[in-house]
Amino acid sequence: MTSLDIQISVEEGPWSSEAALQSLSERVLGAAADFLRREEKQPFPKMPPEVSLVFTDDASIREINAQWRNQDKPTNVLSFPAFPLTPGKMPGPMLGDIILAQETLVREAQALGKPFDEHLSHLLVHGFLHLFGYDHMEENDAERMESLETRILAGLGLSDPYGDGDPV
């Protein structure tokens, strides 16, 4: 399994314990990193790359979304790569930050009829792929990113998040 240095910060919201979030994140992001390295031939730095995960609430993510994306509303996940990347290029030792909003994830998981941890796992993978330069602005890029997400999650025994109209 690819080694990652995952830094977790629980800032706002009724999240699980840091230990539980760390365990889930290591399993999910480790699988995503292994998949990228193996299947996508994504190069990795020699030292374990670092990713920062911020677990917060709707109010906080709304402020960040307004400041950085000019969208004054909460969202489920935001990713901020540490360095500009294109898929297939060598990432730096610091991949970037992934910020997740607890209330939005709860609402979405309930609407989808999925367990919270399964939806959280999907959004961790989604945010992680953004840190590697993958995006979904153009249709062909979205199809590629969704395919990667689906395959990574399948490797974890999780369902296709797009088969049920996932709102990511």
Protein backbone atom coordinates (compact mmCIF):
# COMPACT_ATOMS: atom_id res chain seq x y z
CA MET A 1 0.00 0.00 0.00
CA THR A 2 1.23 3.48 -0.88
CA SER A 3 2.25 5.43 2.16
CA LEU A 4 0.62 8.82 2.67
CA ASP A 5 1.15 11.36 5.43
CA ILE A 6 -2.45 12.30 6.25
CA GLN A 7 -2.90 15.28 8.54
CA ILE A 8 -6.39 15.61 10.02
CA SER A 9 -8.04 18.62 11.57
CA VAL A 10 -11.58 18.44 12.94
CA GLU A 11 -12.60 22.10 13.10
CA GLU A 12 -16.40 22.23 13.31
CA GLY A 13 -19.35 19.88 13.34
CA PRO A 14 -20.26 16.61 15.04
CA TRP A 15 -17.75 14.42 13.21
CA SER A 16 -16.59 11.00 14.36
CA SER A 17 -13.48 10.84 16.50
CA GLU A 18 -10.19 11.86 14.93
CA ALA A 19 -9.01 8.26 15.29
CA ALA A 20 -12.01 6.97 13.32
CA LEU A 21 -11.56 9.65 10.63
CA GLN A 22 -7.83 8.87 10.44
CA SER A 23 -8.51 5.15 10.01
CA LEU A 24 -11.15 5.68 7.31
CA SER A 25 -9.00 8.24 5.50
CA GLU A 26 -5.91 6.02 5.53
CA ARG A 27 -7.88 3.09 4.09
CA VAL A 28 -9.69 5.11 1.43
CA LEU A 29 -6.86 7.43 0.35
CA GLY A 30 -4.31 4.62 0.55
CA ALA A 31 -6.44 2.61 -1.87
CA ALA A 32 -6.84 5.65 -4.14
CA ALA A 33 -3.11 6.31 -4.13
CA ASP A 34 -2.33 2.66 -4.87
CA PHE A 35 -4.83 2.66 -7.72
CA LEU A 36 -3.36 5.83 -9.26
CA ARG A 37 0.17 4.49 -9.01
CA ARG A 38 -0.71 1.05 -10.37
CA GLU A 39 -3.50 1.62 -12.90
CA GLU A 40 -2.83 5.18 -14.01
CA LYS A 41 0.96 4.88 -13.77
CA GLN A 42 0.86 8.04 -11.66
CA PRO A 43 4.36 8.82 -10.36
CA PHE A 44 4.74 9.38 -6.64
CA PRO A 45 7.47 11.25 -4.77
CA LYS A 46 10.05 9.16 -2.92
CA MET A 47 8.91 10.50 0.44
CA PRO A 48 5.28 9.83 1.44
CA PRO A 49 3.21 12.69 0.05
CA GLU A 50 1.26 14.74 2.56
CA VAL A 51 -2.42 15.54 2.32
CA SER A 52 -4.33 17.72 4.76
CA LEU A 53 -7.94 16.87 5.58
CA VAL A 54 -10.14 19.48 7.22
CA PHE A 55 -13.45 18.31 8.63
CA THR A 56 -15.78 21.24 9.17
CA ASP A 57 -19.39 22.41 8.96
CA ASP A 58 -21.59 24.13 6.38
CA ALA A 59 -20.99 27.65 7.74
CA SER A 60 -17.21 27.34 7.46
CA ILE A 61 -17.17 25.71 4.03
CA ARG A 62 -19.66 28.33 2.79
CA GLU A 63 -17.18 31.09 3.72
CA ILE A 64 -14.32 29.27 1.97
CA ASN A 65 -16.48 28.56 -1.09
CA ALA A 66 -17.47 32.24 -1.29
CA GLN A 67 -13.90 33.46 -0.89
CA TRP A 68 -12.17 31.09 -3.32
CA ARG A 69 -14.90 30.13 -5.79
CA ASN A 70 -17.30 33.12 -5.60
CA GLN A 71 -20.12 30.75 -4.65
CA ASP A 72 -21.86 31.90 -1.50
CA LYS A 73 -23.26 28.51 -0.50
CA PRO A 74 -22.09 25.42 1.33
CA THR A 75 -20.74 22.51 -0.69
CA ASN A 76 -19.77 18.96 0.17
CA VAL A 77 -16.03 19.03 -0.61
CA LEU A 78 -13.39 21.52 -1.71
CA SER A 79 -9.88 20.64 -2.82
CA PHE A 80 -6.90 22.93 -2.97
CA PRO A 81 -3.85 21.40 -4.68
CA ALA A 82 -0.56 22.64 -3.26
CA PHE A 83 0.88 22.90 -6.77
CA PRO A 84 -0.66 23.22 -10.24
CA LEU A 85 -0.81 19.75 -11.80
CA THR A 86 -1.96 17.91 -14.84
CA PRO A 87 -2.92 14.24 -14.60
CA GLY A 88 0.11 11.99 -14.94
CA LYS A 89 2.64 14.54 -13.69
CA MET A 90 4.75 14.07 -10.57
CA PRO A 91 3.04 15.55 -7.50
CA GLY A 92 5.05 17.44 -4.92
CA PRO A 93 5.66 16.26 -1.38
CA MET A 94 2.59 18.23 -0.27
CA LEU A 95 -0.47 17.29 -2.33
CA GLY A 96 -2.82 19.87 -0.83
CA ASP A 97 -5.94 20.28 1.27
CA ILE A 98 -9.33 18.59 1.15
CA ILE A 99 -12.13 20.28 3.12
CA LEU A 100 -15.39 18.46 3.86
CA ALA A 101 -18.67 19.78 5.31
CA GLN A 102 -20.46 17.49 7.75
CA GLU A 103 -24.06 18.73 7.40
CA THR A 104 -23.99 18.66 3.60
CA LEU A 105 -22.57 15.13 3.59
CA VAL A 106 -25.26 13.96 6.03
CA ARG A 107 -28.06 15.46 3.89
CA GLU A 108 -26.64 13.97 0.70
CA ALA A 109 -26.09 10.51 2.22
CA GLN A 110 -29.66 10.49 3.52
CA ALA A 111 -31.05 11.64 0.14
CA LEU A 112 -29.05 8.92 -1.61
CA GLY A 113 -30.02 6.26 0.93
CA LYS A 114 -26.32 5.49 1.51
CA PRO A 115 -24.39 5.03 4.72
CA PHE A 116 -22.57 8.21 5.75
CA ASP A 117 -19.12 6.57 5.69
CA GLU A 118 -19.69 5.34 2.13
CA HIS A 119 -20.59 8.84 0.93
CA LEU A 120 -17.66 10.31 2.88
CA SER A 121 -15.37 7.75 1.24
CA HIS A 122 -16.58 8.81 -2.19
CA LEU A 123 -15.93 12.47 -1.46
CA LEU A 124 -12.48 11.72 -0.05
CA VAL A 125 -11.63 9.97 -3.33
CA HIS A 126 -13.20 12.79 -5.35
CA GLY A 127 -11.21 15.45 -3.49
CA PHE A 128 -8.03 13.37 -3.69
CA LEU A 129 -8.29 13.08 -7.47
CA HIS A 130 -8.55 16.87 -7.70
CA LEU A 131 -5.19 17.08 -5.90
CA PHE A 132 -3.71 15.08 -8.77
CA GLY A 133 -5.06 17.43 -11.42
CA TYR A 134 -8.20 15.51 -12.35
CA ASP A 135 -11.28 17.65 -12.94
CA HIS A 136 -14.84 17.49 -14.20
CA MET A 137 -15.35 20.83 -15.95
CA GLU A 138 -15.45 19.33 -19.45
CA GLU A 139 -17.56 16.28 -20.30
CA ASN A 140 -14.64 14.02 -21.29
CA ASP A 141 -12.70 15.02 -18.14
CA ALA A 142 -15.79 14.35 -16.01
CA GLU A 143 -16.22 10.90 -17.56
CA ARG A 144 -12.58 10.05 -16.87
CA MET A 145 -12.74 11.29 -13.27
CA GLU A 146 -16.03 9.50 -12.57
CA SER A 147 -14.60 6.29 -14.01
CA LEU A 148 -11.58 6.56 -11.72
CA GLU A 149 -13.78 7.24 -8.69
CA THR A 150 -16.04 4.30 -9.51
CA ARG A 151 -13.12 1.91 -9.98
CA ILE A 152 -11.33 3.05 -6.80
CA LEU A 153 -14.52 2.70 -4.76
CA ALA A 154 -15.27 -0.71 -6.28
CA GLY A 155 -11.83 -1.82 -5.08
CA LEU A 156 -12.99 -0.86 -1.58
CA GLY A 157 -16.21 -2.83 -2.02
CA LEU A 158 -18.34 0.33 -2.36
CA SER A 159 -21.10 1.00 -4.88
CA ASP A 160 -20.92 3.18 -7.98
CA PRO A 161 -21.63 6.69 -6.68
CA TYR A 162 -22.89 7.84 -10.08
CA GLY A 163 -25.24 4.95 -10.62
CA ASP A 164 -27.68 6.60 -8.22
CA GLY A 165 -27.27 10.23 -9.28
CA ASP A 166 -24.71 11.24 -6.67
CA PRO A 167 -24.64 15.06 -6.42
CA VAL A 168 -20.86 15.52 -6.58
